[in-house]
Amino acid sequence: MNTLPLIAPLAALLVLAACDSRPDGTTVGQKVDQTVASAKDAAADVRQTAKQGLDGAAQATQEKSDQVAKKVGDAAITASVNAGLAKDPELSALRINVDTRNGQVSLYGSAPTEGAKQRAQQIAMNEKGVTGVDNQLAVEKR
């Protein structure tokens, strides 16, 4: 039996096996698989980091938007209360300072009577968005 035809393919397999292995015992295919897995993990980490960054930016934007909306809402409440006070004949000629923070209205100044003071408070309470009224109006002594 001639073994020469069997030795040539066996030698070729040994050469290929030698080329396909690394000093640490891993094959080129295993290294490629590890590299692909590492790249997938890195891409997943980048996606997660980007998502967290976008979520944080969205939350910060929402918080700023809420702050602006509160300020605009407070300014609108103050303007409406001032307009309501101007419509009342007893209160319109008086200088009543109106301050609004987070829907809480504060009234400062003076009112000619206790009834006028209470009307000023009711005018403020009737405005949309008002959560409370701190009526600091002093009743004028005659």
N, C-alpha and C. Protein backbone atom coordinates (compact mmCIF):
# COMPACT_ATOMS: atom_id res chain seq x y z
N MET A 1 0.85 -1.16 0.00
CA MET A 1 0.00 0.00 0.00
C MET A 1 0.90 1.23 0.00
N ASN A 2 0.56 2.16 -0.83
CA ASN A 2 1.33 3.37 -0.98
C ASN A 2 0.75 4.43 -0.03
N THR A 3 1.54 4.88 0.96
CA THR A 3 1.07 5.83 1.97
C THR A 3 1.34 7.28 1.57
N LEU A 4 2.09 7.45 0.49
CA LEU A 4 2.41 8.80 0.05
C LEU A 4 1.16 9.62 -0.26
N PRO A 5 0.16 9.09 -0.97
CA PRO A 5 -1.03 9.92 -1.22
C PRO A 5 -1.75 10.31 0.08
N LEU A 6 -1.64 9.56 1.15
CA LEU A 6 -2.30 9.90 2.42
C LEU A 6 -1.48 10.92 3.21
N ILE A 7 -0.18 10.89 3.06
CA ILE A 7 0.69 11.78 3.84
C ILE A 7 0.54 13.23 3.37
N ALA A 8 0.42 13.46 2.08
CA ALA A 8 0.33 14.82 1.55
C ALA A 8 -0.90 15.56 2.10
N PRO A 9 -2.10 14.98 2.04
CA PRO A 9 -3.25 15.71 2.62
C PRO A 9 -3.13 15.87 4.12
N LEU A 10 -2.58 14.88 4.82
CA LEU A 10 -2.41 14.98 6.26
C LEU A 10 -1.45 16.11 6.60
N ALA A 11 -0.37 16.25 5.84
CA ALA A 11 0.59 17.32 6.06
C ALA A 11 -0.08 18.68 5.81
N ALA A 12 -0.91 18.76 4.80
CA ALA A 12 -1.62 20.01 4.50
C ALA A 12 -2.55 20.38 5.65
N LEU A 13 -3.23 19.41 6.22
CA LEU A 13 -4.12 19.65 7.37
C LEU A 13 -3.32 20.13 8.57
N LEU A 14 -2.17 19.52 8.80
CA LEU A 14 -1.34 19.95 9.92
C LEU A 14 -0.84 21.39 9.72
N VAL A 15 -0.47 21.74 8.51
CA VAL A 15 -0.03 23.11 8.22
C VAL A 15 -1.17 24.08 8.46
N LEU A 16 -2.37 23.74 7.98
CA LEU A 16 -3.53 24.61 8.18
C LEU A 16 -3.87 24.73 9.66
N ALA A 17 -3.81 23.65 10.37
CA ALA A 17 -4.10 23.68 11.80
C ALA A 17 -3.08 24.54 12.52
N ALA A 18 -1.83 24.47 12.11
CA ALA A 18 -0.79 25.27 12.74
C ALA A 18 -1.03 26.75 12.45
N CYS A 19 -1.48 27.06 11.25
CA CYS A 19 -1.74 28.46 10.90
C CYS A 19 -2.99 28.98 11.60
N ASP A 20 -3.91 28.10 11.95
CA ASP A 20 -5.19 28.49 12.52
C ASP A 20 -5.15 28.56 14.03
N SER A 21 -4.01 28.37 14.64
CA SER A 21 -3.97 28.43 16.10
C SER A 21 -3.02 29.53 16.54
N ARG A 22 -3.23 30.02 17.75
CA ARG A 22 -2.44 31.08 18.35
C ARG A 22 -1.62 30.49 19.49
N PRO A 23 -0.62 31.25 19.96
CA PRO A 23 0.18 30.75 21.07
C PRO A 23 -0.66 30.48 22.32
N ASP A 24 -1.78 31.23 22.51
CA ASP A 24 -2.61 31.01 23.70
C ASP A 24 -3.60 29.88 23.52
N GLY A 25 -3.57 29.21 22.36
CA GLY A 25 -4.41 28.04 22.13
C GLY A 25 -5.72 28.36 21.45
N THR A 26 -6.01 29.63 21.20
CA THR A 26 -7.26 29.96 20.52
C THR A 26 -7.03 29.98 19.03
N THR A 27 -8.07 29.69 18.31
CA THR A 27 -7.97 29.69 16.86
C THR A 27 -8.31 31.07 16.32
N VAL A 28 -7.97 31.30 15.06
CA VAL A 28 -8.30 32.56 14.41
C VAL A 28 -9.81 32.77 14.43
N GLY A 29 -10.55 31.73 14.20
CA GLY A 29 -12.03 31.81 14.22
C GLY A 29 -12.53 32.23 15.59
N GLN A 30 -11.94 31.67 16.64
CA GLN A 30 -12.34 32.04 17.99
C GLN A 30 -12.01 33.50 18.27
N LYS A 31 -10.83 33.95 17.80
CA LYS A 31 -10.44 35.36 17.98
C LYS A 31 -11.42 36.27 17.25
N VAL A 32 -11.80 35.88 16.04
CA VAL A 32 -12.78 36.68 15.28
C VAL A 32 -14.10 36.73 16.03
N ASP A 33 -14.55 35.58 16.55
CA ASP A 33 -15.80 35.55 17.31
C ASP A 33 -15.71 36.43 18.56
N GLN A 34 -14.57 36.39 19.25
CA GLN A 34 -14.40 37.22 20.44
C GLN A 34 -14.41 38.71 20.08
N THR A 35 -13.77 39.04 18.97
CA THR A 35 -13.73 40.44 18.53
C THR A 35 -15.12 40.92 18.15
N VAL A 36 -15.86 40.08 17.45
CA VAL A 36 -17.24 40.44 17.08
C VAL A 36 -18.09 40.62 18.34
N ALA A 37 -17.96 39.72 19.30
CA ALA A 37 -18.71 39.83 20.55
C ALA A 37 -18.34 41.10 21.30
N SER A 38 -17.03 41.41 21.34
CA SER A 38 -16.59 42.64 22.00
C SER A 38 -17.16 43.88 21.30
N ALA A 39 -17.18 43.86 19.99
CA ALA A 39 -17.73 44.99 19.23
C ALA A 39 -19.22 45.14 19.51
N LYS A 40 -19.94 44.03 19.59
CA LYS A 40 -21.38 44.08 19.89
C LYS A 40 -21.60 44.64 21.30
N ASP A 41 -20.78 44.19 22.26
CA ASP A 41 -20.91 44.71 23.63
C ASP A 41 -20.62 46.20 23.68
N ALA A 42 -19.57 46.62 22.95
CA ALA A 42 -19.22 48.04 22.93
C ALA A 42 -20.35 48.86 22.30
N ALA A 43 -20.94 48.34 21.24
CA ALA A 43 -22.04 49.05 20.58
C ALA A 43 -23.25 49.14 21.52
N ALA A 44 -23.51 48.07 22.27
CA ALA A 44 -24.62 48.09 23.23
C ALA A 44 -24.35 49.12 24.33
N ASP A 45 -23.10 49.19 24.78
CA ASP A 45 -22.74 50.18 25.81
C ASP A 45 -22.92 51.61 25.28
N VAL A 46 -22.51 51.83 24.04
CA VAL A 46 -22.66 53.16 23.43
C VAL A 46 -24.14 53.51 23.31
N ARG A 47 -24.96 52.55 22.87
CA ARG A 47 -26.40 52.80 22.76
C ARG A 47 -27.00 53.14 24.12
N GLN A 48 -26.61 52.38 25.15
CA GLN A 48 -27.13 52.62 26.50
C GLN A 48 -26.71 53.99 27.02
N THR A 49 -25.44 54.33 26.81
CA THR A 49 -24.95 55.64 27.25
C THR A 49 -25.66 56.77 26.52
N ALA A 50 -25.85 56.60 25.22
CA ALA A 50 -26.56 57.62 24.43
C ALA A 50 -28.00 57.75 24.90
N LYS A 51 -28.65 56.62 25.18
CA LYS A 51 -30.04 56.65 25.66
C LYS A 51 -30.12 57.36 27.00
N GLN A 52 -29.18 57.07 27.89
CA GLN A 52 -29.18 57.74 29.20
C GLN A 52 -28.96 59.24 29.03
N GLY A 53 -28.06 59.61 28.13
CA GLY A 53 -27.81 61.02 27.87
C GLY A 53 -29.04 61.72 27.31
N LEU A 54 -29.71 61.07 26.38
CA LEU A 54 -30.93 61.65 25.80
C LEU A 54 -32.04 61.73 26.84
N ASP A 55 -32.17 60.69 27.66
CA ASP A 55 -33.19 60.71 28.72
C ASP A 55 -32.91 61.85 29.70
N GLY A 56 -31.65 62.03 30.06
CA GLY A 56 -31.28 63.11 30.97
C GLY A 56 -31.56 64.48 30.36
N ALA A 57 -31.25 64.62 29.08
CA ALA A 57 -31.51 65.89 28.40
C ALA A 57 -33.00 66.15 28.31
N ALA A 58 -33.77 65.11 28.03
CA ALA A 58 -35.22 65.27 27.95
C ALA A 58 -35.80 65.68 29.30
N GLN A 59 -35.30 65.07 30.36
CA GLN A 59 -35.79 65.41 31.70
C GLN A 59 -35.42 66.85 32.05
N ALA A 60 -34.20 67.25 31.76
CA ALA A 60 -33.78 68.63 32.05
C ALA A 60 -34.61 69.62 31.25
N THR A 61 -34.88 69.30 30.00
CA THR A 61 -35.70 70.17 29.17
C THR A 61 -37.11 70.27 29.72
N GLN A 62 -37.66 69.15 30.16
CA GLN A 62 -39.01 69.15 30.74
C GLN A 62 -39.06 70.00 32.01
N GLU A 63 -38.03 69.87 32.85
CA GLU A 63 -37.99 70.65 34.09
C GLU A 63 -37.92 72.15 33.79
N LYS A 64 -37.09 72.52 32.83
CA LYS A 64 -36.99 73.94 32.45
C LYS A 64 -38.31 74.42 31.86
N SER A 65 -38.93 73.59 31.05
CA SER A 65 -40.21 73.94 30.46
C SER A 65 -41.27 74.14 31.54
N ASP A 66 -41.26 73.27 32.54
CA ASP A 66 -42.21 73.40 33.66
C ASP A 66 -41.97 74.70 34.42
N GLN A 67 -40.69 75.05 34.64
CA GLN A 67 -40.37 76.29 35.35
C GLN A 67 -40.86 77.50 34.57
N VAL A 68 -40.64 77.49 33.26
CA VAL A 68 -41.09 78.61 32.43
C VAL A 68 -42.61 78.68 32.45
N ALA A 69 -43.27 77.53 32.35
CA ALA A 69 -44.74 77.52 32.37
C ALA A 69 -45.28 78.07 33.68
N LYS A 70 -44.63 77.72 34.80
CA LYS A 70 -45.07 78.26 36.10
C LYS A 70 -44.92 79.76 36.14
N LYS A 71 -43.78 80.26 35.64
CA LYS A 71 -43.55 81.70 35.65
C LYS A 71 -44.56 82.42 34.77
N VAL A 72 -44.81 81.87 33.59
CA VAL A 72 -45.79 82.47 32.68
C VAL A 72 -47.17 82.39 33.32
N GLY A 73 -47.49 81.25 33.94
CA GLY A 73 -48.78 81.09 34.60
C GLY A 73 -48.94 82.08 35.74
N ASP A 74 -47.88 82.26 36.53
CA ASP A 74 -47.93 83.22 37.64
C ASP A 74 -48.13 84.65 37.12
N ALA A 75 -47.46 85.00 36.05
CA ALA A 75 -47.60 86.34 35.48
C ALA A 75 -49.03 86.55 34.96
N ALA A 76 -49.59 85.51 34.35
CA ALA A 76 -50.96 85.61 33.84
C ALA A 76 -51.95 85.76 35.00
N ILE A 77 -51.72 85.04 36.09
CA ILE A 77 -52.59 85.15 37.27
C ILE A 77 -52.51 86.57 37.82
N THR A 78 -51.30 87.08 37.96
CA THR A 78 -51.12 88.44 38.49
C THR A 78 -51.87 89.46 37.62
N ALA A 79 -51.73 89.33 36.30
CA ALA A 79 -52.40 90.26 35.39
C ALA A 79 -53.92 90.15 35.51
N SER A 80 -54.43 88.94 35.62
CA SER A 80 -55.87 88.73 35.74
C SER A 80 -56.41 89.30 37.05
N VAL A 81 -55.68 89.08 38.13
CA VAL A 81 -56.11 89.62 39.43
C VAL A 81 -56.11 91.15 39.37
N ASN A 82 -55.07 91.73 38.81
CA ASN A 82 -55.01 93.20 38.68
C ASN A 82 -56.19 93.71 37.85
N ALA A 83 -56.52 93.02 36.77
CA ALA A 83 -57.65 93.43 35.93
C ALA A 83 -58.96 93.32 36.71
N GLY A 84 -59.11 92.24 37.49
CA GLY A 84 -60.32 92.07 38.31
C GLY A 84 -60.44 93.15 39.36
N LEU A 85 -59.33 93.50 39.99
CA LEU A 85 -59.35 94.56 41.00
C LEU A 85 -59.71 95.91 40.37
N ALA A 86 -59.23 96.15 39.14
CA ALA A 86 -59.51 97.40 38.45
C ALA A 86 -60.99 97.56 38.13
N LYS A 87 -61.71 96.46 37.99
CA LYS A 87 -63.14 96.51 37.68
C LYS A 87 -63.99 96.86 38.90
N ASP A 88 -63.46 96.66 40.10
CA ASP A 88 -64.22 96.95 41.32
C ASP A 88 -64.12 98.45 41.62
N PRO A 89 -65.26 99.15 41.76
CA PRO A 89 -65.22 100.60 41.97
C PRO A 89 -64.48 101.02 43.25
N GLU A 90 -64.58 100.25 44.30
CA GLU A 90 -63.91 100.61 45.56
C GLU A 90 -62.41 100.30 45.52
N LEU A 91 -62.04 99.30 44.74
CA LEU A 91 -60.64 98.86 44.73
C LEU A 91 -59.83 99.45 43.57
N SER A 92 -60.51 99.90 42.52
CA SER A 92 -59.81 100.33 41.32
C SER A 92 -58.91 101.54 41.53
N ALA A 93 -59.32 102.44 42.43
CA ALA A 93 -58.52 103.65 42.64
C ALA A 93 -57.36 103.41 43.59
N LEU A 94 -57.31 102.26 44.22
CA LEU A 94 -56.29 101.97 45.22
C LEU A 94 -55.08 101.30 44.58
N ARG A 95 -53.98 101.47 45.25
CA ARG A 95 -52.75 100.80 44.81
C ARG A 95 -52.62 99.50 45.61
N ILE A 96 -52.98 98.39 44.96
CA ILE A 96 -52.85 97.07 45.59
C ILE A 96 -51.78 96.33 44.82
N ASN A 97 -50.77 95.90 45.53
CA ASN A 97 -49.70 95.11 44.91
C ASN A 97 -50.10 93.64 44.93
N VAL A 98 -49.96 93.02 43.78
CA VAL A 98 -50.29 91.60 43.63
C VAL A 98 -49.01 90.86 43.26
N ASP A 99 -48.72 89.82 44.03
CA ASP A 99 -47.54 88.99 43.76
C ASP A 99 -48.00 87.54 43.70
N THR A 100 -47.54 86.80 42.70
CA THR A 100 -47.94 85.40 42.54
C THR A 100 -46.71 84.53 42.40
N ARG A 101 -46.67 83.47 43.19
CA ARG A 101 -45.60 82.46 43.10
C ARG A 101 -46.22 81.08 43.23
N ASN A 102 -46.00 80.29 42.18
CA ASN A 102 -46.52 78.92 42.14
C ASN A 102 -48.02 78.87 42.43
N GLY A 103 -48.76 79.84 41.91
CA GLY A 103 -50.20 79.87 42.06
C GLY A 103 -50.69 80.50 43.35
N GLN A 104 -49.79 80.82 44.25
CA GLN A 104 -50.14 81.45 45.53
C GLN A 104 -50.09 82.97 45.34
N VAL A 105 -51.24 83.64 45.53
CA VAL A 105 -51.34 85.08 45.34
C VAL A 105 -51.20 85.78 46.69
N SER A 106 -50.40 86.84 46.72
CA SER A 106 -50.27 87.68 47.91
C SER A 106 -50.74 89.08 47.54
N LEU A 107 -51.58 89.65 48.40
CA LEU A 107 -52.11 90.99 48.19
C LEU A 107 -51.52 91.91 49.25
N TYR A 108 -50.95 93.04 48.81
CA TYR A 108 -50.35 94.02 49.71
C TYR A 108 -50.94 95.39 49.41
N GLY A 109 -51.05 96.20 50.41
CA GLY A 109 -51.56 97.56 50.24
C GLY A 109 -52.68 97.82 51.23
N SER A 110 -53.67 98.59 50.78
CA SER A 110 -54.77 98.92 51.69
C SER A 110 -56.10 98.82 50.97
N ALA A 111 -57.13 98.63 51.77
CA ALA A 111 -58.50 98.59 51.28
C ALA A 111 -59.32 99.56 52.12
N PRO A 112 -60.33 100.22 51.52
CA PRO A 112 -61.09 101.22 52.27
C PRO A 112 -61.98 100.62 53.36
N THR A 113 -62.43 99.38 53.17
CA THR A 113 -63.31 98.73 54.16
C THR A 113 -62.95 97.26 54.26
N GLU A 114 -63.46 96.62 55.30
CA GLU A 114 -63.27 95.17 55.46
C GLU A 114 -63.94 94.43 54.30
N GLY A 115 -65.10 94.92 53.87
CA GLY A 115 -65.80 94.31 52.73
C GLY A 115 -64.98 94.37 51.46
N ALA A 116 -64.32 95.51 51.22
CA ALA A 116 -63.47 95.66 50.03
C ALA A 116 -62.27 94.72 50.11
N LYS A 117 -61.74 94.58 51.31
CA LYS A 117 -60.61 93.65 51.52
C LYS A 117 -61.03 92.22 51.17
N GLN A 118 -62.21 91.83 51.62
CA GLN A 118 -62.70 90.47 51.34
C GLN A 118 -63.01 90.29 49.85
N ARG A 119 -63.53 91.35 49.20
CA ARG A 119 -63.79 91.26 47.75
C ARG A 119 -62.48 91.08 46.99
N ALA A 120 -61.44 91.80 47.40
CA ALA A 120 -60.13 91.65 46.75
C ALA A 120 -59.65 90.21 46.86
N GLN A 121 -59.83 89.62 48.03
CA GLN A 121 -59.43 88.22 48.21
C GLN A 121 -60.26 87.31 47.32
N GLN A 122 -61.56 87.57 47.24
CA GLN A 122 -62.44 86.73 46.41
C GLN A 122 -62.11 86.88 44.93
N ILE A 123 -61.80 88.10 44.51
CA ILE A 123 -61.40 88.31 43.10
C ILE A 123 -60.17 87.47 42.79
N ALA A 124 -59.20 87.49 43.69
CA ALA A 124 -57.98 86.70 43.47
C ALA A 124 -58.28 85.20 43.47
N MET A 125 -59.10 84.73 44.40
CA MET A 125 -59.41 83.29 44.49
C MET A 125 -60.16 82.79 43.26
N ASN A 126 -60.92 83.66 42.62
CA ASN A 126 -61.73 83.24 41.46
C ASN A 126 -60.92 83.08 40.18
N GLU A 127 -59.68 83.50 40.18
CA GLU A 127 -58.85 83.38 38.98
C GLU A 127 -58.37 81.94 38.80
N LYS A 128 -58.38 81.50 37.56
CA LYS A 128 -57.94 80.14 37.24
C LYS A 128 -56.46 79.98 37.58
N GLY A 129 -56.11 78.89 38.23
CA GLY A 129 -54.72 78.59 38.57
C GLY A 129 -54.30 79.04 39.95
N VAL A 130 -55.16 79.79 40.65
CA VAL A 130 -54.82 80.27 41.99
C VAL A 130 -55.00 79.12 42.98
N THR A 131 -53.96 78.87 43.76
CA THR A 131 -54.02 77.80 44.76
C THR A 131 -54.31 78.33 46.16
N GLY A 132 -54.12 79.64 46.36
CA GLY A 132 -54.39 80.24 47.66
C GLY A 132 -54.13 81.73 47.60
N VAL A 133 -54.65 82.44 48.62
CA VAL A 133 -54.47 83.89 48.68
C VAL A 133 -54.00 84.27 50.08
N ASP A 134 -52.93 85.03 50.11
CA ASP A 134 -52.42 85.59 51.37
C ASP A 134 -52.80 87.07 51.34
N ASN A 135 -53.88 87.41 52.02
CA ASN A 135 -54.42 88.75 51.98
C ASN A 135 -53.78 89.60 53.07
N GLN A 136 -52.82 90.42 52.70
CA GLN A 136 -52.11 91.30 53.64
C GLN A 136 -52.62 92.74 53.55
N LEU A 137 -53.80 92.94 52.95
CA LEU A 137 -54.34 94.29 52.82
C LEU A 137 -54.73 94.83 54.18
N ALA A 138 -54.38 96.07 54.40
CA ALA A 138 -54.75 96.74 55.65
C ALA A 138 -56.02 97.56 55.40
N VAL A 139 -56.93 97.52 56.33
CA VAL A 139 -58.15 98.31 56.20
C VAL A 139 -57.83 99.72 56.67
N GLU A 140 -58.15 100.70 55.80
CA GLU A 140 -57.87 102.11 56.13
C GLU A 140 -58.74 102.57 57.29
N LYS A 141 -58.17 103.30 58.17
CA LYS A 141 -58.93 103.87 59.29
C LYS A 141 -59.37 105.25 58.90
N ARG A 142 -60.62 105.53 59.12
CA ARG A 142 -61.17 106.84 58.74
C ARG A 142 -61.47 107.66 59.93
